[in-house]
Protein backbone atom coordinates (compact mmCIF):
# COMPACT_ATOMS: atom_id res chain seq x y z
CA MET A 1 149.40 62.94 172.59
CA SER A 2 151.33 63.90 169.54
CA ASP A 3 154.41 62.22 167.83
CA ARG A 4 156.90 60.58 170.08
CA THR A 5 160.30 59.13 169.56
CA MET A 6 161.18 55.76 169.71
CA SER A 7 164.37 54.51 171.62
CA ALA A 8 166.90 52.87 169.37
CA ALA A 9 165.88 49.43 170.57
CA ASP A 10 162.56 49.94 169.44
CA THR A 11 163.30 51.24 166.09
CA PRO A 12 161.52 48.92 163.38
CA VAL A 13 163.69 47.28 160.65
CA ALA A 14 162.98 48.95 157.42
CA GLU A 15 164.42 48.47 153.76
CA ALA A 16 166.95 50.99 154.55
CA PRO A 17 167.05 52.08 158.11
CA ALA A 18 167.04 55.71 159.07
CA THR A 19 169.96 57.17 160.66
CA SER A 20 168.05 58.74 163.37
CA SER A 21 164.92 57.17 165.10
CA PRO A 22 161.80 57.93 163.18
CA HIS A 23 158.85 59.49 164.74
CA VAL A 24 155.66 57.46 165.44
CA ASP A 25 152.35 59.10 165.09
CA ALA A 26 150.14 58.44 168.23
CA GLY A 27 147.21 58.34 165.90
CA ASP A 28 148.24 55.02 164.44
CA ALA A 29 147.50 53.09 167.73
CA GLY A 30 144.53 51.09 167.71
CA TYR A 31 144.07 50.11 164.02
CA ARG A 32 143.83 46.75 162.73
CA LYS A 33 146.32 45.32 160.17
CA ASP A 34 143.22 43.79 158.16
CA LEU A 35 144.17 44.99 154.62
CA LYS A 36 145.86 42.57 152.66
CA SER A 37 147.81 42.75 149.38
CA ARG A 38 144.87 42.35 147.22
CA HIS A 39 143.18 45.04 149.01
CA ILE A 40 145.83 47.76 148.52
CA ASN A 41 146.38 46.75 144.83
CA MET A 42 142.69 47.35 144.20
CA ILE A 43 142.51 50.36 146.15
CA ALA A 44 145.40 51.66 144.33
CA ILE A 45 143.27 50.95 141.04
CA GLY A 46 140.16 52.27 142.50
CA GLY A 47 141.82 55.73 143.52
CA ALA A 48 143.10 56.08 139.88
CA ILE A 49 139.71 55.27 138.41
CA GLY A 50 136.74 57.41 139.67
CA THR A 51 134.01 59.89 138.98
CA GLY A 52 136.18 62.34 137.35
CA LEU A 53 136.46 59.88 134.38
CA PHE A 54 133.04 58.32 134.41
CA LEU A 55 131.16 61.45 134.59
CA GLY A 56 133.41 64.29 134.13
CA ALA A 57 134.87 63.25 130.96
CA GLY A 58 131.59 63.70 129.04
CA GLY A 59 131.49 67.54 129.55
CA ARG A 60 135.19 67.89 129.08
CA MET A 61 135.24 66.05 125.87
CA ALA A 62 132.42 68.41 124.53
CA ASN A 63 134.49 71.42 125.53
CA ALA A 64 137.87 70.45 124.51
CA GLY A 65 137.34 67.68 121.84
CA PRO A 66 139.83 64.63 121.53
CA SER A 67 142.82 66.74 123.00
CA LEU A 68 141.21 65.68 126.33
CA PHE A 69 143.55 62.61 126.33
CA ILE A 70 146.57 65.08 126.40
CA ALA A 71 145.30 66.43 129.55
CA TYR A 72 144.71 63.33 131.23
CA ALA A 73 148.03 62.22 130.09
CA VAL A 74 149.80 65.20 131.56
CA CYS A 75 147.98 65.32 134.89
CA GLY A 76 148.65 61.56 135.05
CA VAL A 77 152.43 61.90 134.85
CA PHE A 78 152.39 64.14 137.98
CA ALA A 79 149.87 62.06 139.81
CA PHE A 80 152.29 59.32 139.49
CA PHE A 81 155.05 61.45 140.85
CA VAL A 82 152.79 62.47 143.79
CA VAL A 83 151.93 58.88 144.80
CA ARG A 84 155.57 57.83 143.99
CA ALA A 85 156.82 60.48 146.62
CA LEU A 86 154.14 59.46 149.16
CA GLY A 87 155.27 55.86 148.46
CA GLU A 88 158.91 56.55 149.43
CA LEU A 89 157.65 58.29 152.52
CA VAL A 90 155.41 55.21 153.36
CA LEU A 91 158.34 52.92 153.13
CA TYR A 92 160.27 55.08 155.38
CA ARG A 93 157.63 55.12 158.03
CA PRO A 94 153.99 53.70 157.49
CA SER A 95 151.26 55.68 159.19
CA SER A 96 147.59 55.98 158.81
CA GLY A 97 148.16 59.56 159.18
CA ALA A 98 149.92 59.67 155.88
CA PHE A 99 151.45 62.96 154.52
CA VAL A 100 149.96 64.88 157.81
CA SER A 101 152.18 62.68 159.89
CA TYR A 102 155.04 63.34 157.53
CA ALA A 103 154.38 67.15 157.56
CA ARG A 104 154.43 66.93 161.55
CA GLU A 105 157.75 65.42 161.30
CA PHE A 106 159.28 67.65 158.73
CA MET A 107 157.40 70.80 159.29
CA GLY A 108 156.03 70.88 162.88
CA GLU A 109 152.40 71.06 163.98
CA LYS A 110 151.58 74.18 161.90
CA GLY A 111 152.47 72.12 158.61
CA ALA A 112 150.50 69.15 159.86
CA PHE A 113 147.43 71.49 160.59
CA ALA A 114 147.57 73.04 157.05
CA ALA A 115 148.10 69.50 155.43
CA GLY A 116 145.13 67.94 157.20
CA TRP A 117 142.74 70.51 156.69
CA LEU A 118 143.39 71.10 153.12
CA TYR A 119 142.82 67.25 152.77
CA PHE A 120 139.51 67.71 154.52
CA LEU A 121 138.71 70.56 152.29
CA ASN A 122 139.59 68.21 149.31
CA TRP A 123 137.25 65.20 150.46
CA SER A 124 134.62 67.06 152.16
CA THR A 125 133.84 68.99 148.69
CA THR A 126 134.56 65.68 146.98
CA ALA A 127 131.93 63.84 149.03
CA ILE A 128 129.39 66.40 147.75
CA ALA A 129 130.52 65.80 144.12
CA ASP A 130 130.31 61.92 144.68
CA ILE A 131 126.65 62.11 145.95
CA THR A 132 125.68 64.59 143.38
CA ALA A 133 127.05 62.13 140.69
CA ALA A 134 125.38 59.16 142.23
CA ALA A 135 122.21 61.20 142.01
CA VAL A 136 122.81 62.30 138.53
CA PHE A 137 123.41 58.65 137.46
CA ALA A 138 120.33 57.27 139.20
CA HIS A 139 118.26 59.81 137.42
CA TYR A 140 119.10 57.85 134.11
CA TRP A 141 116.58 55.20 134.89
CA SER A 142 112.91 56.11 134.76
CA ALA A 143 112.10 54.44 138.05
CA PHE A 144 114.15 57.09 139.73
CA SER A 145 113.66 59.88 137.38
CA ASP A 146 110.68 61.68 139.38
CA ILE A 147 112.73 61.55 142.79
CA PRO A 148 114.29 64.84 143.31
CA GLN A 149 118.00 64.87 143.20
CA TRP A 150 118.61 65.78 146.82
CA VAL A 151 116.66 62.81 148.03
CA LEU A 152 118.90 60.44 145.98
CA ALA A 153 122.08 62.06 147.17
CA LEU A 154 120.76 61.67 150.69
CA ILE A 155 120.26 58.13 150.14
CA ALA A 156 123.54 57.53 148.52
CA LEU A 157 125.42 59.25 151.60
CA ALA A 158 123.54 57.14 154.18
CA VAL A 159 124.31 53.78 152.50
CA VAL A 160 127.90 54.39 152.27
CA LEU A 161 128.37 55.92 155.57
CA THR A 162 126.72 53.00 157.17
CA ALA A 163 129.12 50.73 155.32
CA ASN A 164 132.20 52.67 156.20
CA LEU A 165 131.51 52.45 159.88
CA ILE A 166 131.51 48.70 160.15
CA SER A 167 135.30 47.84 160.09
CA VAL A 168 138.41 48.34 158.01
CA LYS A 169 138.29 44.86 156.48
CA TYR A 170 134.58 45.35 155.37
CA PHE A 171 135.83 48.71 153.78
CA GLY A 172 138.68 46.90 152.09
CA GLU A 173 136.41 44.20 150.74
CA MET A 174 134.01 46.85 149.26
CA GLU A 175 136.79 48.60 147.63
CA PHE A 176 138.25 45.27 146.14
CA TRP A 177 134.75 44.47 144.48
CA PHE A 178 134.06 48.34 143.52
CA ALA A 179 137.58 48.25 141.69
CA ILE A 180 136.73 44.93 140.07
CA ILE A 181 133.72 46.22 138.80
CA LYS A 182 135.23 49.48 137.66
CA VAL A 183 138.14 47.68 135.91
CA GLY A 184 135.98 45.00 134.56
CA ALA A 185 133.61 47.50 133.04
CA LEU A 186 136.53 49.43 131.37
CA VAL A 187 138.35 46.47 129.92
CA ILE A 188 134.91 45.39 128.32
CA PHE A 189 134.20 48.76 127.11
CA MET A 190 137.74 48.98 125.58
CA LEU A 191 137.58 45.70 123.87
CA ILE A 192 134.10 46.50 122.55
CA GLY A 193 135.40 49.98 121.49
CA ILE A 194 138.27 48.55 119.65
CA TYR A 195 136.23 46.03 117.93
CA LEU A 196 133.86 48.75 116.68
CA VAL A 197 136.72 51.07 115.41
CA ALA A 198 138.38 48.00 113.71
CA THR A 199 135.26 46.90 111.99
CA SER A 200 133.88 50.30 111.32
CA HIS A 201 130.55 49.27 112.94
CA ASP A 202 127.77 51.70 112.68
CA ILE A 203 126.94 53.59 116.01
CA GLY A 204 123.54 55.58 115.94
CA GLY A 205 124.10 56.35 112.40
CA HIS A 206 128.05 57.29 112.61
CA THR A 207 130.88 55.25 111.50
CA PRO A 208 133.66 55.22 114.06
CA GLY A 209 137.26 55.56 113.27
CA LEU A 210 140.06 58.22 112.66
CA SER A 211 137.79 60.25 110.44
CA THR A 212 135.50 61.18 113.40
CA ILE A 213 138.34 63.18 114.81
CA THR A 214 139.67 64.48 111.51
CA ASP A 215 136.30 65.49 109.89
CA ASN A 216 135.39 67.24 113.11
CA GLY A 217 138.00 69.76 113.88
CA GLY A 218 140.98 67.53 114.48
CA ILE A 219 142.59 66.99 118.06
CA PHE A 220 141.91 70.59 118.89
CA PRO A 221 138.51 71.55 117.42
CA SER A 222 138.39 74.76 119.65
CA GLY A 223 142.20 75.45 119.91
CA VAL A 224 144.50 74.55 122.44
CA MET A 225 143.27 76.88 125.28
CA PRO A 226 140.10 74.86 126.01
CA MET A 227 142.22 71.80 126.75
CA LEU A 228 144.43 73.71 129.08
CA LEU A 229 141.54 75.38 130.93
CA LEU A 230 140.25 71.95 131.77
CA ILE A 231 143.43 70.71 133.50
CA GLN A 232 142.03 71.61 136.84
CA GLY A 233 139.19 69.50 136.40
CA VAL A 234 141.13 66.49 135.17
CA VAL A 235 143.36 66.99 138.37
CA PHE A 236 140.27 66.09 140.26
CA ALA A 237 140.07 62.89 138.37
CA TYR A 238 143.26 61.68 139.90
CA ALA A 239 142.12 62.88 143.53
CA SER A 240 142.20 59.29 145.26
CA VAL A 241 145.67 58.38 144.06
CA GLU A 242 147.11 59.09 147.48
CA LEU A 243 144.62 56.62 149.12
CA CYS A 244 147.01 53.54 149.15
CA GLY A 245 149.33 55.71 151.16
CA VAL A 246 146.79 56.22 153.96
CA ALA A 247 145.65 52.59 153.74
CA ALA A 248 149.47 51.23 154.14
CA GLY A 249 149.16 52.23 157.80
CA GLU A 250 146.65 49.29 158.15
CA THR A 251 148.26 46.67 156.20
CA GLU A 252 151.12 44.25 157.08
CA ASN A 253 154.44 44.23 155.20
CA PRO A 254 153.83 47.62 153.35
CA GLU A 255 157.46 47.73 152.06
CA LYS A 256 156.60 44.45 149.88
CA ILE A 257 153.03 45.82 148.90
CA MET A 258 153.45 49.46 148.26
CA PRO A 259 155.97 49.51 145.51
CA LYS A 260 154.00 47.17 143.41
CA ALA A 261 150.86 49.08 143.87
CA VAL A 262 152.35 52.51 143.27
CA ASN A 263 154.47 51.33 140.18
CA SER A 264 151.34 49.97 138.48
CA ILE A 265 149.49 53.31 138.77
CA MET A 266 151.39 54.76 135.80
CA TRP A 267 150.29 52.07 133.37
CA ARG A 268 146.61 52.05 134.58
CA VAL A 269 146.54 55.65 134.08
CA GLY A 270 147.84 55.26 130.37
CA LEU A 271 145.55 52.34 129.71
CA PHE A 272 142.37 53.35 131.35
CA TYR A 273 142.31 56.98 131.24
CA VAL A 274 144.18 57.97 128.04
CA GLY A 275 143.10 54.77 126.33
CA SER A 276 139.44 55.28 127.04
CA VAL A 277 139.21 58.97 125.92
CA VAL A 278 141.14 58.12 122.66
CA LEU A 279 138.54 55.37 122.17
CA LEU A 280 135.78 57.81 123.00
CA ALA A 281 136.96 60.33 120.49
CA LEU A 282 137.15 57.56 117.73
CA LEU A 283 133.82 56.17 118.37
CA LEU A 284 131.77 59.40 118.20
CA PRO A 285 132.00 63.15 117.49
CA TYR A 286 133.15 64.98 120.61
CA THR A 287 129.66 66.97 120.14
CA ALA A 288 127.76 63.78 120.89
CA TYR A 289 129.02 64.04 124.52
CA SER A 290 127.53 66.01 127.16
CA GLY A 291 128.08 66.95 130.95
CA ASP A 292 124.63 65.47 131.77
CA GLN A 293 125.56 61.90 131.03
CA SER A 294 128.52 59.53 131.32
CA PRO A 295 130.28 59.39 127.85
CA PHE A 296 130.37 55.55 128.32
CA VAL A 297 126.58 55.57 128.64
CA THR A 298 126.30 57.76 125.60
CA VAL A 299 128.20 55.19 123.55
CA PHE A 300 126.19 52.14 124.55
CA ALA A 301 122.86 53.94 124.39
CA LYS A 302 123.54 54.88 120.73
CA LEU A 303 124.66 51.30 119.94
CA GLY A 304 121.16 50.11 120.72
CA ILE A 305 122.25 46.86 122.77
CA PRO A 306 119.35 46.12 125.00
CA GLY A 307 120.59 46.68 128.75
CA ALA A 308 124.15 47.72 127.83
CA ALA A 309 123.71 51.35 128.79
CA ASP A 310 121.78 50.43 132.01
CA VAL A 311 124.66 47.97 132.98
CA MET A 312 127.28 50.78 132.26
CA ASN A 313 125.26 53.14 134.13
CA LEU A 314 125.32 50.82 137.10
CA VAL A 315 129.12 50.60 136.90
CA VAL A 316 129.49 54.62 137.02
CA LEU A 317 127.08 54.66 139.85
CA THR A 318 129.47 52.17 141.57
CA ALA A 319 132.30 54.37 140.84
CA ALA A 320 130.70 57.23 142.60
CA LEU A 321 129.77 55.37 145.57
CA SER A 322 133.36 53.86 145.71
CA SER A 323 134.87 57.41 145.58
CA LEU A 324 132.46 58.56 148.58
CA ASN A 325 133.41 55.35 150.56
CA SER A 326 137.15 56.06 150.13
CA GLY A 327 136.83 59.69 151.01
CA LEU A 328 135.00 58.84 154.25
CA TYR A 329 137.62 56.29 155.03
CA SER A 330 140.60 58.42 154.46
CA THR A 331 139.34 61.71 156.08
CA GLY A 332 138.48 59.44 159.15
CA ARG A 333 142.12 58.43 159.52
CA ILE A 334 143.68 61.74 158.84
CA LEU A 335 141.51 63.56 161.27
CA ARG A 336 142.27 61.03 164.01
CA SER A 337 145.91 61.68 163.48
CA MET A 338 145.32 65.50 163.91
CA SER A 339 143.11 64.84 166.83
CA MET A 340 145.86 63.01 168.79
CA SER A 341 147.87 66.13 168.36
CA GLY A 342 145.34 68.53 169.35
CA SER A 343 144.67 70.21 165.95
CA ALA A 344 141.35 68.73 165.28
CA PRO A 345 138.30 68.17 167.53
CA LYS A 346 138.58 65.51 170.09
CA PHE A 347 135.67 63.41 169.02
CA THR A 348 137.38 62.92 165.59
CA GLY A 349 139.94 60.69 167.36
CA VAL A 350 137.39 58.54 168.78
CA MET A 351 137.34 54.78 167.61
CA ASN A 352 134.79 52.17 167.66
CA LYS A 353 135.22 48.57 168.58
CA GLY A 354 135.94 47.53 165.00
CA GLY A 355 138.99 49.93 165.04
CA VAL A 356 137.02 52.59 162.74
CA PRO A 357 137.73 56.25 163.81
CA TYR A 358 133.90 57.03 163.36
CA GLY A 359 134.24 60.67 164.69
CA GLY A 360 136.24 61.90 161.83
CA ILE A 361 134.23 59.70 159.33
CA LEU A 362 130.78 61.35 160.58
CA LEU A 363 132.40 64.84 160.39
CA THR A 364 133.05 64.49 156.63
CA ALA A 365 129.60 63.08 156.37
CA GLY A 366 128.06 66.00 157.67
CA PHE A 367 129.66 68.01 154.92
CA GLY A 368 127.88 65.56 152.82
CA VAL A 369 124.64 66.57 154.28
CA LEU A 370 125.51 70.31 153.00
CA GLY A 371 125.93 68.68 149.76
CA VAL A 372 122.29 67.43 150.00
CA VAL A 373 121.27 70.85 150.66
CA LEU A 374 123.22 72.13 147.63
CA ASN A 375 121.51 69.56 145.47
CA TYR A 376 118.21 70.79 146.69
CA VAL A 377 119.08 74.50 145.91
CA MET A 378 121.03 74.22 142.85
CA PRO A 379 120.94 70.82 141.32
CA GLY A 380 122.11 71.92 138.01
CA GLU A 381 125.45 73.59 139.21
CA ALA A 382 126.28 71.37 142.35
CA PHE A 383 128.71 69.28 140.54
CA GLU A 384 130.90 71.85 138.94
CA LEU A 385 130.71 74.15 141.99
CA VAL A 386 132.19 71.67 144.46
CA LEU A 387 134.56 70.02 141.81
CA ASN A 388 136.37 73.38 141.75
CA PHE A 389 136.88 73.65 145.55
CA ALA A 390 137.68 70.08 145.58
CA SER A 391 140.55 70.80 143.15
CA ILE A 392 141.80 73.55 145.46
CA GLY A 393 142.04 71.00 148.22
CA ILE A 394 143.58 68.48 145.83
CA ILE A 395 146.16 70.98 144.86
CA GLY A 396 147.08 71.83 148.31
CA THR A 397 147.25 68.17 149.27
CA TRP A 398 149.50 67.23 146.60
CA GLY A 399 151.59 70.31 147.24
CA MET A 400 152.00 69.22 150.76
CA ILE A 401 153.14 65.91 149.91
CA MET A 402 155.73 67.02 147.41
CA LEU A 403 156.85 69.63 149.96
CA CYS A 404 157.26 66.91 152.75
CA SER A 405 159.20 64.81 149.97
CA LEU A 406 161.45 67.60 149.16
CA LEU A 407 162.18 68.21 152.99
CA PHE A 408 162.85 64.44 153.42
CA TRP A 409 165.35 64.50 150.51
CA HIS A 410 167.11 67.66 152.04
CA ARG A 411 167.36 65.62 155.22
CA SER A 412 168.85 62.75 153.73
CA LYS A 413 171.52 64.94 152.19
CA ASP A 414 172.26 66.16 155.70
CA GLY A 415 172.58 62.45 156.97
CA ARG A 416 169.77 62.72 159.34
CA VAL A 417 167.69 60.29 157.59
CA THR A 418 168.32 57.41 155.16
CA ARG A 419 166.14 57.09 151.77
CA PRO A 420 164.67 53.77 151.27
CA SER A 421 165.53 51.88 148.20
CA TYR A 422 162.34 52.54 146.84
CA GLN A 423 162.66 56.45 145.91
CA LEU A 424 161.11 59.20 143.86
CA PRO A 425 163.16 59.51 140.80
CA TRP A 426 165.16 62.55 139.68
CA ALA A 427 164.74 64.19 143.09
CA PRO A 428 164.69 67.12 143.87
CA TYR A 429 163.78 68.27 140.44
CA THR A 430 160.62 66.10 140.35
CA GLN A 431 159.25 67.70 143.42
CA ILE A 432 159.91 71.14 142.15
CA ALA A 433 158.44 70.34 138.67
CA THR A 434 155.41 69.03 140.21
CA MET A 435 154.80 72.09 142.61
CA VAL A 436 155.28 74.41 139.61
CA PHE A 437 152.74 72.63 137.87
CA LEU A 438 150.27 72.74 140.68
CA ALA A 439 150.91 76.41 140.94
CA SER A 440 150.06 76.65 137.02
CA VAL A 441 147.03 74.95 137.56
CA LEU A 442 145.70 77.57 139.93
CA GLY A 443 146.80 80.12 137.11
CA LEU A 444 144.50 78.37 134.65
CA MET A 445 141.69 77.90 137.16
CA TRP A 446 141.87 81.91 137.29
CA MET A 447 142.11 82.36 133.68
CA ASP A 448 139.04 80.19 133.13
CA GLY A 449 136.74 82.77 134.77
CA ASP A 450 133.27 82.24 136.10
CA ILE A 451 133.11 79.56 139.00
CA SER A 452 136.93 78.78 138.55
CA ARG A 453 137.90 82.24 139.01
CA LYS A 454 135.60 82.80 141.97
CA THR A 455 137.26 79.76 143.61
CA VAL A 456 140.90 80.77 143.10
CA ASN A 457 139.52 84.26 144.67
CA CYS A 458 138.48 82.33 147.59
CA LEU A 459 142.19 81.41 148.32
CA PRO A 460 142.70 84.45 150.79
CA LEU A 461 139.62 83.28 152.61
CA ILE A 462 140.83 79.68 152.70
CA ALA A 463 144.38 80.97 154.00
CA ALA A 464 142.62 83.12 156.72
CA ALA A 465 140.46 80.40 157.97
CA LEU A 466 143.66 78.12 158.22
CA VAL A 467 145.49 80.97 160.18
CA GLY A 468 142.53 81.53 162.35
CA GLY A 469 141.85 77.88 163.14
CA TRP A 470 145.54 77.57 163.90
CA PHE A 471 145.25 80.25 166.46
CA LEU A 472 142.06 78.41 167.87
CA VAL A 473 143.89 75.25 168.40
CA ARG A 474 147.46 76.13 169.09
CA LYS A 475 147.05 76.17 172.97
CA ARG A 476 145.61 72.73 173.03
CA VAL A 477 148.44 71.49 170.62
CA ALA A 478 150.95 72.91 172.85
CA GLN A 479 149.29 71.45 175.88
CA THR A 480 149.36 68.18 174.18
CA GLU A 481 152.82 68.39 173.36
CA ALA A 482 153.84 69.45 176.94
CA GLU A 483 151.80 66.32 178.27
CA ARG A 484 153.69 63.99 175.90
CA LYS A 485 157.16 65.22 177.17
CA ALA A 486 156.01 65.04 180.71
CA GLY A 487 154.80 61.34 180.08
C-alpha cells in the first residue's frame, strides 16, 4: 500500500490547514509516539555535531589552515536552509518517511524511489565512515592498538546495531545522552580554549593567540583553493541535520517541537563548528593537526593534563557511535516507507513488537559489514573513500529536499496547498540558491582530483543503477498502487 488520500472528515488540524487533503504515508502506521521534546531537541543537536567535526576537522585543518572556519560557516548556512525547508514540510504533514514521503506526493513514485535510495547511499556509506572512525579512535589507547582495525569496526557495528533494534524510546534516550556528552565536551573544550588563549598559556612549547595564525601563513596559508576543495568533506559534517525531520514522525505535537529544534541549529553551527575551528586555529599552528587524530585530542595531549586526552578521545568515540546509531535509525524508517509502496524489498518494511522497522536497519548494517571488509583491505584509506561517496548521497538527499520544498511552494501559489506559518524564508530563491550550491560542490569534488574525481565520475553509474532499479520495481509499485485503489 502506498500513499492514500484522507477524507475531509479525517484531515488533521495543523497550524495552517491545507486547502486539499494531504497524503498519508502508509509506512507511518505502527510507530509509537515515544519521542519527547527533549529527545527531538538533542537529536537536532546531535545531528549537527558528528564525526565530520570530531575526526575530519584535523586533516582539513592541516590542508586548508584556519580558513576551514569559512567553509564550515558557508556549509552551515545551506545546511540550515535544508533543515528549515524540511521543517516546513514536516509541519505541513509529519511523516517518518520524511522527504521520501514528500517526494512521493510532489514528484510521484519515481521521485520517491530516487530520494530514498540516494538517502540509503548516504547512510550506508556513512555507516562505514562511522565504524572506521570508531576503530581509529579506539586505536588511540594502547590496550586496543594491537587489535586489527577491522575487528574494532565490527565490534562497533555489533554494539550499535543491537541497541538500535530494541525500541525507538531506547534510541531516543541513547541519542539524548550521546548529545549531552558531545555538547558538554565541546563546551568544556571551548571554555578551556578561551582561557588558554586569554592567558597565553603554554601548549606543548607553543604560545596560543592571534600570532598562531598570523605567523603561520595567515587565514589562507595555502591559498583559497584548498579551502574550497574541502567543502565536499565539510558537507559531510552536516549530514545528520535532517534527522530531526525523520524523528518528527514518532513524536507527539511536532508542530510545537520542530520549529524550536530547527531554529536552534543555526546558532549551534555558529557556536560549535565555527567557534571550535577558530579556537583550534588560535591554540596551535595548523601544521600541528593531522587526519590520523582528532584535533581536540591533539590539543589536550599537548597540554599534558593527565587523562584529558583520554577523556576527549572517549567523547569523539561516542560521537562516531552516535552517528552510526542515527544512520541505522533513519534508514530503517525511510526504507519502510519505500517498502510499503513497493520500491524497496518487502523485508525492509517488517517491524518488531517494539515498533522498530528492523528489516531496513539490518540492510544498512549489512553494508556496514562491507565496511568491515574495507577496513581489512585498506585501513589507511577507508575513511576518505567512503566519505566521498557519502557526500554524493548527502548532496542528492539535500537536493531532493529542496526540490520538494520548491514544488510545495509552487503548489501553494496555485492554491492547492497552504504553507504553515513556519516557513523557509525567501522562497523560492533559497531553494534555487541551495541547489546551485550543491551543484557547485560536485564541481569542486571533480576539481579536487584523485578519489574525489573518481567519485564524481561514478555519477553515471549511480544514475544507471537508479534507472535500472526503477525498472526492476516498477511493476510491483504499480501493483501496490492498484491494490490501494481497489481497497
